[in-house]
PDB file of all heavy atoms in Angstrom:
ATOM      1  N   ALA A   1     127.391  73.842 -64.052  1.00  0.00           N
ATOM      2  CA  ALA A   1     127.225  72.703 -63.144  1.00  0.00           C
ATOM      3  C   ALA A   1     125.850  72.024 -63.185  1.00  0.00           C
ATOM      4  O   ALA A   1     125.774  70.793 -63.270  1.00  0.00           O
ATOM      5  CB  ALA A   1     127.544  73.125 -61.712  1.00  0.00           C
ATOM      6  N   PRO A   2     124.734  72.759 -63.101  1.00  0.00           N
ATOM      7  CA  PRO A   2     123.430  72.103 -62.907  1.00  0.00           C
ATOM      8  C   PRO A   2     123.005  71.209 -64.067  1.00  0.00           C
ATOM      9  O   PRO A   2     123.322  71.474 -65.228  1.00  0.00           O
ATOM     10  CB  PRO A   2     122.467  73.287 -62.758  1.00  0.00           C
ATOM     11  CG  PRO A   2     123.308  74.457 -62.401  1.00  0.00           C
ATOM     12  CD  PRO A   2     124.605  74.227 -63.098  1.00  0.00           C
ATOM     13  N   ARG A   3     122.267  70.174 -63.725  1.00  0.00           N
ATOM     14  CA  ARG A   3     121.672  69.321 -64.756  1.00  0.00           C
ATOM     15  C   ARG A   3     120.629  70.096 -65.549  1.00  0.00           C
ATOM     16  O   ARG A   3     120.435  69.880 -66.740  1.00  0.00           O
ATOM     17  CB  ARG A   3     121.012  68.111 -64.100  1.00  0.00           C
ATOM     18  CG  ARG A   3     121.976  67.144 -63.440  1.00  0.00           C
ATOM     19  CD  ARG A   3     121.237  66.183 -62.540  1.00  0.00           C
ATOM     20  NE  ARG A   3     120.584  66.904 -61.437  1.00  0.00           N
ATOM     21  CZ  ARG A   3     119.684  66.361 -60.626  1.00  0.00           C
ATOM     22  NH1 ARG A   3     119.304  65.108 -60.815  1.00  0.00           N
ATOM     23  NH2 ARG A   3     119.155  67.058 -59.635  1.00  0.00           N
ATOM     24  N   ASN A   4     119.939  71.004 -64.876  1.00  0.00           N
ATOM     25  CA  ASN A   4     118.898  71.818 -65.516  1.00  0.00           C
ATOM     26  C   ASN A   4     119.251  73.288 -65.292  1.00  0.00           C
ATOM     27  O   ASN A   4     118.797  73.902 -64.319  1.00  0.00           O
ATOM     28  CB  ASN A   4     117.529  71.496 -64.924  1.00  0.00           C
ATOM     29  CG  ASN A   4     116.417  72.279 -65.584  1.00  0.00           C
ATOM     30  OD1 ASN A   4     116.562  72.762 -66.712  1.00  0.00           O
ATOM     31  ND2 ASN A   4     115.302  72.440 -64.884  1.00  0.00           N
ATOM     32  N   PRO A   5     120.057  73.883 -66.163  1.00  0.00           N
ATOM     33  CA  PRO A   5     120.567  75.235 -65.937  1.00  0.00           C
ATOM     34  C   PRO A   5     119.544  76.334 -66.260  1.00  0.00           C
ATOM     35  O   PRO A   5     119.678  77.059 -67.246  1.00  0.00           O
ATOM     36  CB  PRO A   5     121.778  75.301 -66.865  1.00  0.00           C
ATOM     37  CG  PRO A   5     121.415  74.401 -67.997  1.00  0.00           C
ATOM     38  CD  PRO A   5     120.616  73.278 -67.398  1.00  0.00           C
ATOM     39  N   ASN A   6     118.564  76.445 -65.396  1.00  0.00           N
ATOM     40  CA  ASN A   6     117.540  77.477 -65.551  1.00  0.00           C
ATOM     41  C   ASN A   6     117.167  78.031 -64.182  1.00  0.00           C
ATOM     42  O   ASN A   6     117.120  77.288 -63.189  1.00  0.00           O
ATOM     43  CB  ASN A   6     116.280  76.899 -66.215  1.00  0.00           C
ATOM     44  CG  ASN A   6     116.518  76.481 -67.655  1.00  0.00           C
ATOM     45  OD1 ASN A   6     116.707  77.319 -68.525  1.00  0.00           O
ATOM     46  ND2 ASN A   6     116.517  75.175 -67.907  1.00  0.00           N
ATOM     47  N   PHE A   7     116.905  79.321 -64.140  1.00  0.00           N
ATOM     48  CA  PHE A   7     116.444  79.928 -62.894  1.00  0.00           C
ATOM     49  C   PHE A   7     115.077  79.367 -62.531  1.00  0.00           C
ATOM     50  O   PHE A   7     114.269  79.046 -63.409  1.00  0.00           O
ATOM     51  CB  PHE A   7     116.355  81.450 -63.045  1.00  0.00           C
ATOM     52  CG  PHE A   7     117.689  82.133 -63.112  1.00  0.00           C
ATOM     53  CD1 PHE A   7     118.259  82.478 -64.336  1.00  0.00           C
ATOM     54  CD2 PHE A   7     118.383  82.445 -61.953  1.00  0.00           C
ATOM     55  CE1 PHE A   7     119.493  83.106 -64.399  1.00  0.00           C
ATOM     56  CE2 PHE A   7     119.620  83.075 -61.998  1.00  0.00           C
ATOM     57  CZ  PHE A   7     120.173  83.407 -63.222  1.00  0.00           C
ATOM     58  N   ILE A   8     114.836  79.258 -61.223  1.00  0.00           N
ATOM     59  CA  ILE A   8     113.549  78.779 -60.738  1.00  0.00           C
ATOM     60  C   ILE A   8     113.062  79.685 -59.623  1.00  0.00           C
ATOM     61  O   ILE A   8     113.817  80.514 -59.092  1.00  0.00           O
ATOM     62  CB  ILE A   8     113.634  77.319 -60.222  1.00  0.00           C
ATOM     63  CG1 ILE A   8     114.611  77.232 -59.044  1.00  0.00           C
ATOM     64  CG2 ILE A   8     114.045  76.373 -61.339  1.00  0.00           C
ATOM     65  CD1 ILE A   8     114.647  75.871 -58.375  1.00  0.00           C
ATOM     66  N   GLU A   9     111.811  79.536 -59.250  1.00  0.00           N
ATOM     67  CA  GLU A   9     111.239  80.301 -58.141  1.00  0.00           C
ATOM     68  C   GLU A   9     111.155  79.393 -56.919  1.00  0.00           C
ATOM     69  O   GLU A   9     110.621  78.277 -56.999  1.00  0.00           O
ATOM     70  CB  GLU A   9     109.851  80.822 -58.526  1.00  0.00           C
ATOM     71  CG  GLU A   9     109.225  81.733 -57.486  1.00  0.00           C
ATOM     72  CD  GLU A   9     107.900  82.313 -57.950  1.00  0.00           C
ATOM     73  OE1 GLU A   9     107.875  82.877 -59.070  1.00  0.00           O
ATOM     74  OE2 GLU A   9     106.896  82.180 -57.209  1.00  0.00           O
ATOM     75  N   ASP A  10     111.695  79.843 -55.787  1.00  0.00           N
ATOM     76  CA  ASP A  10     111.662  79.013 -54.596  1.00  0.00           C
ATOM     77  C   ASP A  10     110.328  79.157 -53.863  1.00  0.00           C
ATOM     78  O   ASP A  10     109.420  79.859 -54.328  1.00  0.00           O
ATOM     79  CB  ASP A  10     112.841  79.323 -53.675  1.00  0.00           C
ATOM     80  CG  ASP A  10     112.767  80.715 -53.029  1.00  0.00           C
ATOM     81  OD1 ASP A  10     111.721  81.377 -53.126  1.00  0.00           O
ATOM     82  OD2 ASP A  10     113.776  81.118 -52.414  1.00  0.00           O
ATOM     83  N   SER A  11     110.189  78.490 -52.715  1.00  0.00           N
ATOM     84  CA  SER A  11     108.920  78.454 -51.991  1.00  0.00           C
ATOM     85  C   SER A  11     108.512  79.816 -51.448  1.00  0.00           C
ATOM     86  O   SER A  11     107.345  80.036 -51.117  1.00  0.00           O
ATOM     87  CB  SER A  11     109.014  77.457 -50.828  1.00  0.00           C
ATOM     88  OG  SER A  11     110.062  77.822 -49.940  1.00  0.00           O
ATOM     89  N   GLU A  12     109.469  80.748 -51.361  1.00  0.00           N
ATOM     90  CA  GLU A  12     109.171  82.095 -50.876  1.00  0.00           C
ATOM     91  C   GLU A  12     108.956  83.084 -52.013  1.00  0.00           C
ATOM     92  O   GLU A  12     108.809  84.281 -51.776  1.00  0.00           O
ATOM     93  CB  GLU A  12     110.295  82.579 -49.960  1.00  0.00           C
ATOM     94  CG  GLU A  12     110.467  81.720 -48.705  1.00  0.00           C
ATOM     95  CD  GLU A  12     111.605  82.191 -47.847  1.00  0.00           C
ATOM     96  OE1 GLU A  12     112.433  83.004 -48.344  1.00  0.00           O
ATOM     97  OE2 GLU A  12     111.690  81.772 -46.681  1.00  0.00           O
ATOM     98  N   GLY A  13     108.983  82.578 -53.235  1.00  0.00           N
ATOM     99  CA  GLY A  13     108.747  83.437 -54.382  1.00  0.00           C
ATOM    100  C   GLY A  13     109.978  84.154 -54.901  1.00  0.00           C
ATOM    101  O   GLY A  13     109.864  85.042 -55.747  1.00  0.00           O
ATOM    102  N   HIS A  14     111.171  83.760 -54.425  1.00  0.00           N
ATOM    103  CA  HIS A  14     112.411  84.369 -54.884  1.00  0.00           C
ATOM    104  C   HIS A  14     112.967  83.606 -56.086  1.00  0.00           C
ATOM    105  O   HIS A  14     112.873  82.378 -56.143  1.00  0.00           O
ATOM    106  CB  HIS A  14     113.455  84.390 -53.770  1.00  0.00           C
ATOM    107  CG  HIS A  14     113.045  85.157 -52.555  1.00  0.00           C
ATOM    108  ND1 HIS A  14     112.827  86.511 -52.577  1.00  0.00           N
ATOM    109  CD2 HIS A  14     112.799  84.745 -51.280  1.00  0.00           C
ATOM    110  CE1 HIS A  14     112.481  86.921 -51.379  1.00  0.00           C
ATOM    111  NE2 HIS A  14     112.443  85.858 -50.563  1.00  0.00           N
ATOM    112  N   ILE A  15     113.556  84.334 -57.027  1.00  0.00           N
ATOM    113  CA  ILE A  15     114.217  83.707 -58.156  1.00  0.00           C
ATOM    114  C   ILE A  15     115.595  83.243 -57.706  1.00  0.00           C
ATOM    115  O   ILE A  15     116.398  84.025 -57.176  1.00  0.00           O
ATOM    116  CB  ILE A  15     114.344  84.679 -59.342  1.00  0.00           C
ATOM    117  CG1 ILE A  15     112.958  85.141 -59.794  1.00  0.00           C
ATOM    118  CG2 ILE A  15     115.105  84.027 -60.496  1.00  0.00           C
ATOM    119  CD1 ILE A  15     112.071  84.003 -60.287  1.00  0.00           C
ATOM    120  N   VAL A  16     115.883  81.953 -57.898  1.00  0.00           N
ATOM    121  CA  VAL A  16     117.154  81.382 -57.459  1.00  0.00           C
ATOM    122  C   VAL A  16     117.749  80.526 -58.567  1.00  0.00           C
ATOM    123  O   VAL A  16     117.067  80.126 -59.521  1.00  0.00           O
ATOM    124  CB  VAL A  16     116.975  80.525 -56.178  1.00  0.00           C
ATOM    125  CG1 VAL A  16     116.484  81.390 -55.020  1.00  0.00           C
ATOM    126  CG2 VAL A  16     116.009  79.374 -56.428  1.00  0.00           C
ATOM    127  N   TRP A  17     119.035  80.221 -58.396  1.00  0.00           N
ATOM    128  CA  TRP A  17     119.747  79.361 -59.345  1.00  0.00           C
ATOM    129  C   TRP A  17     119.940  77.988 -58.698  1.00  0.00           C
ATOM    130  O   TRP A  17     120.545  77.884 -57.628  1.00  0.00           O
ATOM    131  CB  TRP A  17     121.096  79.969 -59.716  1.00  0.00           C
ATOM    132  CG  TRP A  17     121.868  79.185 -60.723  1.00  0.00           C
ATOM    133  CD1 TRP A  17     122.966  78.398 -60.500  1.00  0.00           C
ATOM    134  CD2 TRP A  17     121.597  79.089 -62.121  1.00  0.00           C
ATOM    135  NE1 TRP A  17     123.409  77.840 -61.677  1.00  0.00           N
ATOM    136  CE2 TRP A  17     122.577  78.243 -62.693  1.00  0.00           C
ATOM    137  CE3 TRP A  17     120.626  79.648 -62.954  1.00  0.00           C
ATOM    138  CZ2 TRP A  17     122.617  77.939 -64.051  1.00  0.00           C
ATOM    139  CZ3 TRP A  17     120.654  79.346 -64.310  1.00  0.00           C
ATOM    140  CH2 TRP A  17     121.640  78.504 -64.846  1.00  0.00           C
ATOM    141  N   PRO A  18     119.453  76.918 -59.318  1.00  0.00           N
ATOM    142  CA  PRO A  18     119.466  75.591 -58.688  1.00  0.00           C
ATOM    143  C   PRO A  18     120.810  74.872 -58.843  1.00  0.00           C
ATOM    144  O   PRO A  18     120.960  73.981 -59.671  1.00  0.00           O
ATOM    145  CB  PRO A  18     118.362  74.846 -59.443  1.00  0.00           C
ATOM    146  CG  PRO A  18     118.438  75.425 -60.832  1.00  0.00           C
ATOM    147  CD  PRO A  18     118.807  76.890 -60.646  1.00  0.00           C
ATOM    148  N   LEU A  19     121.783  75.247 -58.043  1.00  0.00           N
ATOM    149  CA  LEU A  19     123.107  74.632 -58.139  1.00  0.00           C
ATOM    150  C   LEU A  19     123.072  73.186 -57.644  1.00  0.00           C
ATOM    151  O   LEU A  19     122.572  72.898 -56.557  1.00  0.00           O
ATOM    152  CB  LEU A  19     124.109  75.434 -57.306  1.00  0.00           C
ATOM    153  CG  LEU A  19     125.547  74.901 -57.300  1.00  0.00           C
ATOM    154  CD1 LEU A  19     126.137  74.925 -58.701  1.00  0.00           C
ATOM    155  CD2 LEU A  19     126.401  75.700 -56.335  1.00  0.00           C
ATOM    156  N   ASP A  20     123.593  72.285 -58.437  1.00  0.00           N
ATOM    157  CA  ASP A  20     123.749  70.904 -57.999  1.00  0.00           C
ATOM    158  C   ASP A  20     124.912  70.269 -58.752  1.00  0.00           C
ATOM    159  O   ASP A  20     125.372  70.777 -59.769  1.00  0.00           O
ATOM    160  CB  ASP A  20     122.461  70.092 -58.189  1.00  0.00           C
ATOM    161  CG  ASP A  20     122.099  69.876 -59.654  1.00  0.00           C
ATOM    162  OD1 ASP A  20     122.617  70.614 -60.510  1.00  0.00           O
ATOM    163  OD2 ASP A  20     121.287  68.990 -59.940  1.00  0.00           O
ATOM    164  N   LYS A  21     125.444  69.194 -58.212  1.00  0.00           N
ATOM    165  CA  LYS A  21     126.536  68.424 -58.817  1.00  0.00           C
ATOM    166  C   LYS A  21     127.734  69.294 -59.194  1.00  0.00           C
ATOM    167  O   LYS A  21     128.424  69.041 -60.195  1.00  0.00           O
ATOM    168  CB  LYS A  21     126.018  67.660 -60.039  1.00  0.00           C
ATOM    169  CG  LYS A  21     125.026  66.547 -59.691  1.00  0.00           C
ATOM    170  CD  LYS A  21     124.691  65.703 -60.906  1.00  0.00           C
ATOM    171  CE  LYS A  21     123.818  64.520 -60.514  1.00  0.00           C
ATOM    172  NZ  LYS A  21     124.512  63.561 -59.629  1.00  0.00           N
ATOM    173  N   TYR A  22     128.016  70.304 -58.375  1.00  0.00           N
ATOM    174  CA  TYR A  22     129.113  71.213 -58.697  1.00  0.00           C
ATOM    175  C   TYR A  22     130.452  70.488 -58.773  1.00  0.00           C
ATOM    176  O   TYR A  22     131.276  70.760 -59.650  1.00  0.00           O
ATOM    177  CB  TYR A  22     129.194  72.335 -57.658  1.00  0.00           C
ATOM    178  CG  TYR A  22     130.310  73.321 -57.934  1.00  0.00           C
ATOM    179  CD1 TYR A  22     130.146  74.331 -58.884  1.00  0.00           C
ATOM    180  CD2 TYR A  22     131.539  73.231 -57.276  1.00  0.00           C
ATOM    181  CE1 TYR A  22     131.170  75.227 -59.164  1.00  0.00           C
ATOM    182  CE2 TYR A  22     132.565  74.119 -57.540  1.00  0.00           C
ATOM    183  CZ  TYR A  22     132.375  75.110 -58.489  1.00  0.00           C
ATOM    184  OH  TYR A  22     133.395  75.983 -58.770  1.00  0.00           O
ATOM    185  N   LEU A  23     130.688  69.548 -57.870  1.00  0.00           N
ATOM    186  CA  LEU A  23     131.976  68.864 -57.820  1.00  0.00           C
ATOM    187  C   LEU A  23     132.075  67.685 -58.780  1.00  0.00           C
ATOM    188  O   LEU A  23     133.144  67.097 -58.925  1.00  0.00           O
ATOM    189  CB  LEU A  23     132.264  68.398 -56.389  1.00  0.00           C
ATOM    190  CG  LEU A  23     132.462  69.529 -55.371  1.00  0.00           C
ATOM    191  CD1 LEU A  23     132.671  68.947 -53.982  1.00  0.00           C
ATOM    192  CD2 LEU A  23     133.632  70.428 -55.753  1.00  0.00           C
ATOM    193  N   ASP A  24     130.979  67.341 -59.427  1.00  0.00           N
ATOM    194  CA  ASP A  24     130.988  66.251 -60.409  1.00  0.00           C
ATOM    195  C   ASP A  24     131.282  66.825 -61.784  1.00  0.00           C
ATOM    196  O   ASP A  24     130.385  67.267 -62.508  1.00  0.00           O
ATOM    197  CB  ASP A  24     129.643  65.513 -60.412  1.00  0.00           C
ATOM    198  CG  ASP A  24     129.385  64.782 -59.109  1.00  0.00           C
ATOM    199  OD1 ASP A  24     130.359  64.517 -58.373  1.00  0.00           O
ATOM    200  OD2 ASP A  24     128.212  64.499 -58.810  1.00  0.00           O
ATOM    201  N   GLU A  25     132.547  66.826 -62.145  1.00  0.00           N
ATOM    202  CA  GLU A  25     132.949  67.428 -63.414  1.00  0.00           C
ATOM    203  C   GLU A  25     132.640  66.511 -64.593  1.00  0.00           C
ATOM    204  O   GLU A  25     132.419  65.316 -64.431  1.00  0.00           O
ATOM    205  CB  GLU A  25     134.442  67.766 -63.373  1.00  0.00           C
ATOM    206  CG  GLU A  25     134.803  68.759 -62.281  1.00  0.00           C
ATOM    207  CD  GLU A  25     136.248  69.200 -62.323  1.00  0.00           C
ATOM    208  OE1 GLU A  25     137.108  68.383 -62.726  1.00  0.00           O
ATOM    209  OE2 GLU A  25     136.528  70.348 -61.978  1.00  0.00           O
ATOM    210  N   GLY A  26     132.608  67.112 -65.778  1.00  0.00           N
ATOM    211  CA  GLY A  26     132.394  66.313 -66.977  1.00  0.00           C
ATOM    212  C   GLY A  26     131.321  66.882 -67.875  1.00  0.00           C
ATOM    213  O   GLY A  26     130.954  68.060 -67.777  1.00  0.00           O
ATOM    214  N   GLU A  27     130.793  66.036 -68.750  1.00  0.00           N
ATOM    215  CA  GLU A  27     129.829  66.480 -69.759  1.00  0.00           C
ATOM    216  C   GLU A  27     128.519  66.942 -69.144  1.00  0.00           C
ATOM    217  O   GLU A  27     128.031  66.364 -68.181  1.00  0.00           O
ATOM    218  CB  GLU A  27     129.525  65.356 -70.743  1.00  0.00           C
ATOM    219  CG  GLU A  27     130.604  65.107 -71.763  1.00  0.00           C
ATOM    220  CD  GLU A  27     130.145  64.173 -72.877  1.00  0.00           C
ATOM    221  OE1 GLU A  27     128.972  63.732 -72.845  1.00  0.00           O
ATOM    222  OE2 GLU A  27     130.955  63.883 -73.777  1.00  0.00           O
ATOM    223  N   ARG A  28     127.979  68.001 -69.752  1.00  0.00           N
ATOM    224  CA  ARG A  28     126.629  68.454 -69.455  1.00  0.00           C
ATOM    225  C   ARG A  28     125.906  68.611 -70.793  1.00  0.00           C
ATOM    226  O   ARG A  28     126.425  69.252 -71.722  1.00  0.00           O
ATOM    227  CB  ARG A  28     126.623  69.788 -68.712  1.00  0.00           C
ATOM    228  CG  ARG A  28     127.292  69.765 -67.346  1.00  0.00           C
ATOM    229  CD  ARG A  28     126.539  68.887 -66.357  1.00  0.00           C
ATOM    230  NE  ARG A  28     126.989  69.112 -64.987  1.00  0.00           N
ATOM    231  CZ  ARG A  28     127.993  68.463 -64.399  1.00  0.00           C
ATOM    232  NH1 ARG A  28     128.666  67.531 -65.099  1.00  0.00           N
ATOM    233  NH2 ARG A  28     128.338  68.710 -63.150  1.00  0.00           N
ATOM    234  N   HIS A  29     124.736  68.042 -70.910  1.00  0.00           N
ATOM    235  CA  HIS A  29     123.934  68.158 -72.128  1.00  0.00           C
ATOM    236  C   HIS A  29     122.841  69.182 -71.882  1.00  0.00           C
ATOM    237  O   HIS A  29     122.035  69.033 -70.951  1.00  0.00           O
ATOM    238  CB  HIS A  29     123.327  66.798 -72.491  1.00  0.00           C
ATOM    239  CG  HIS A  29     124.351  65.787 -72.882  1.00  0.00           C
ATOM    240  ND1 HIS A  29     124.472  65.313 -74.173  1.00  0.00           N
ATOM    241  CD2 HIS A  29     125.324  65.169 -72.165  1.00  0.00           C
ATOM    242  CE1 HIS A  29     125.465  64.437 -74.224  1.00  0.00           C
ATOM    243  NE2 HIS A  29     125.994  64.332 -73.019  1.00  0.00           N
ATOM    244  N   THR A  30     122.846  70.247 -72.670  1.00  0.00           N
ATOM    245  CA  THR A  30     121.897  71.334 -72.470  1.00  0.00           C
ATOM    246  C   THR A  30     121.170  71.655 -73.780  1.00  0.00           C
ATOM    247  O   THR A  30     121.612  71.267 -74.861  1.00  0.00           O
ATOM    248  CB  THR A  30     122.600  72.604 -71.968  1.00  0.00           C
ATOM    249  OG1 THR A  30     123.480  73.101 -72.995  1.00  0.00           O
ATOM    250  CG2 THR A  30     123.421  72.323 -70.715  1.00  0.00           C
ATOM    251  N   ASN A  31     120.090  72.368 -73.638  1.00  0.00           N
ATOM    252  CA  ASN A  31     119.360  72.878 -74.801  1.00  0.00           C
ATOM    253  C   ASN A  31     119.536  74.393 -74.826  1.00  0.00           C
ATOM    254  O   ASN A  31     118.839  75.130 -74.133  1.00  0.00           O
ATOM    255  CB  ASN A  31     117.878  72.506 -74.718  1.00  0.00           C
ATOM    256  CG  ASN A  31     117.665  71.001 -74.751  1.00  0.00           C
ATOM    257  OD1 ASN A  31     118.433  70.273 -75.368  1.00  0.00           O
ATOM    258  ND2 ASN A  31     116.626  70.541 -74.086  1.00  0.00           N
ATOM    259  N   TRP A  32     120.521  74.836 -75.596  1.00  0.00           N
ATOM    260  CA  TRP A  32     120.816  76.260 -75.749  1.00  0.00           C
ATOM    261  C   TRP A  32     120.873  76.572 -77.235  1.00  0.00           C
ATOM    262  O   TRP A  32     121.776  76.147 -77.932  1.00  0.00           O
ATOM    263  CB  TRP A  32     122.142  76.627 -75.083  1.00  0.00           C
ATOM    264  CG  TRP A  32     122.507  78.070 -75.250  1.00  0.00           C
ATOM    265  CD1 TRP A  32     121.852  79.153 -74.749  1.00  0.00           C
ATOM    266  CD2 TRP A  32     123.623  78.591 -76.003  1.00  0.00           C
ATOM    267  NE1 TRP A  32     122.482  80.313 -75.136  1.00  0.00           N
ATOM    268  CE2 TRP A  32     123.561  80.001 -75.894  1.00  0.00           C
ATOM    269  CE3 TRP A  32     124.644  77.994 -76.736  1.00  0.00           C
ATOM    270  CZ2 TRP A  32     124.500  80.830 -76.514  1.00  0.00           C
ATOM    271  CZ3 TRP A  32     125.587  78.823 -77.346  1.00  0.00           C
ATOM    272  CH2 TRP A  32     125.510  80.225 -77.235  1.00  0.00           C
ATOM    273  N   LEU A  33     119.847  77.259 -77.722  1.00  0.00           N
ATOM    274  CA  LEU A  33     119.672  77.585 -79.143  1.00  0.00           C
ATOM    275  C   LEU A  33     119.306  76.353 -79.980  1.00  0.00           C
ATOM    276  O   LEU A  33     118.725  76.485 -81.043  1.00  0.00           O
ATOM    277  CB  LEU A  33     120.913  78.253 -79.735  1.00  0.00           C
ATOM    278  CG  LEU A  33     121.389  79.544 -79.054  1.00  0.00           C
ATOM    279  CD1 LEU A  33     122.603  80.107 -79.805  1.00  0.00           C
ATOM    280  CD2 LEU A  33     120.292  80.586 -78.986  1.00  0.00           C
ATOM    281  N   ALA A  34     119.688  75.190 -79.498  1.00  0.00           N
ATOM    282  CA  ALA A  34     119.322  73.925 -80.149  1.00  0.00           C
ATOM    283  C   ALA A  34     119.401  72.831 -79.091  1.00  0.00           C
ATOM    284  O   ALA A  34     119.984  73.026 -78.027  1.00  0.00           O
ATOM    285  CB  ALA A  34     120.256  73.619 -81.319  1.00  0.00           C
ATOM    286  N   GLU A  35     118.819  71.689 -79.384  1.00  0.00           N
ATOM    287  CA  GLU A  35     118.852  70.587 -78.431  1.00  0.00           C
ATOM    288  C   GLU A  35     120.183  69.837 -78.500  1.00  0.00           C
ATOM    289  O   GLU A  35     120.802  69.731 -79.551  1.00  0.00           O
ATOM    290  CB  GLU A  35     117.698  69.624 -78.703  1.00  0.00           C
ATOM    291  CG  GLU A  35     116.318  70.225 -78.456  1.00  0.00           C
ATOM    292  CD  GLU A  35     115.211  69.193 -78.612  1.00  0.00           C
ATOM    293  OE1 GLU A  35     115.527  68.027 -78.934  1.00  0.00           O
ATOM    294  OE2 GLU A  35     114.037  69.558 -78.414  1.00  0.00           O
TER     295      GLU A  35
END
């Protein structure tokens, strides 16, 4: 789902997954092993 599928650190220092646009189906362009 996310536009940027990478774990991030929140304001409390916890590692979280930035879920967004879950209901907007379709193409996602990612950089995995190649651009």
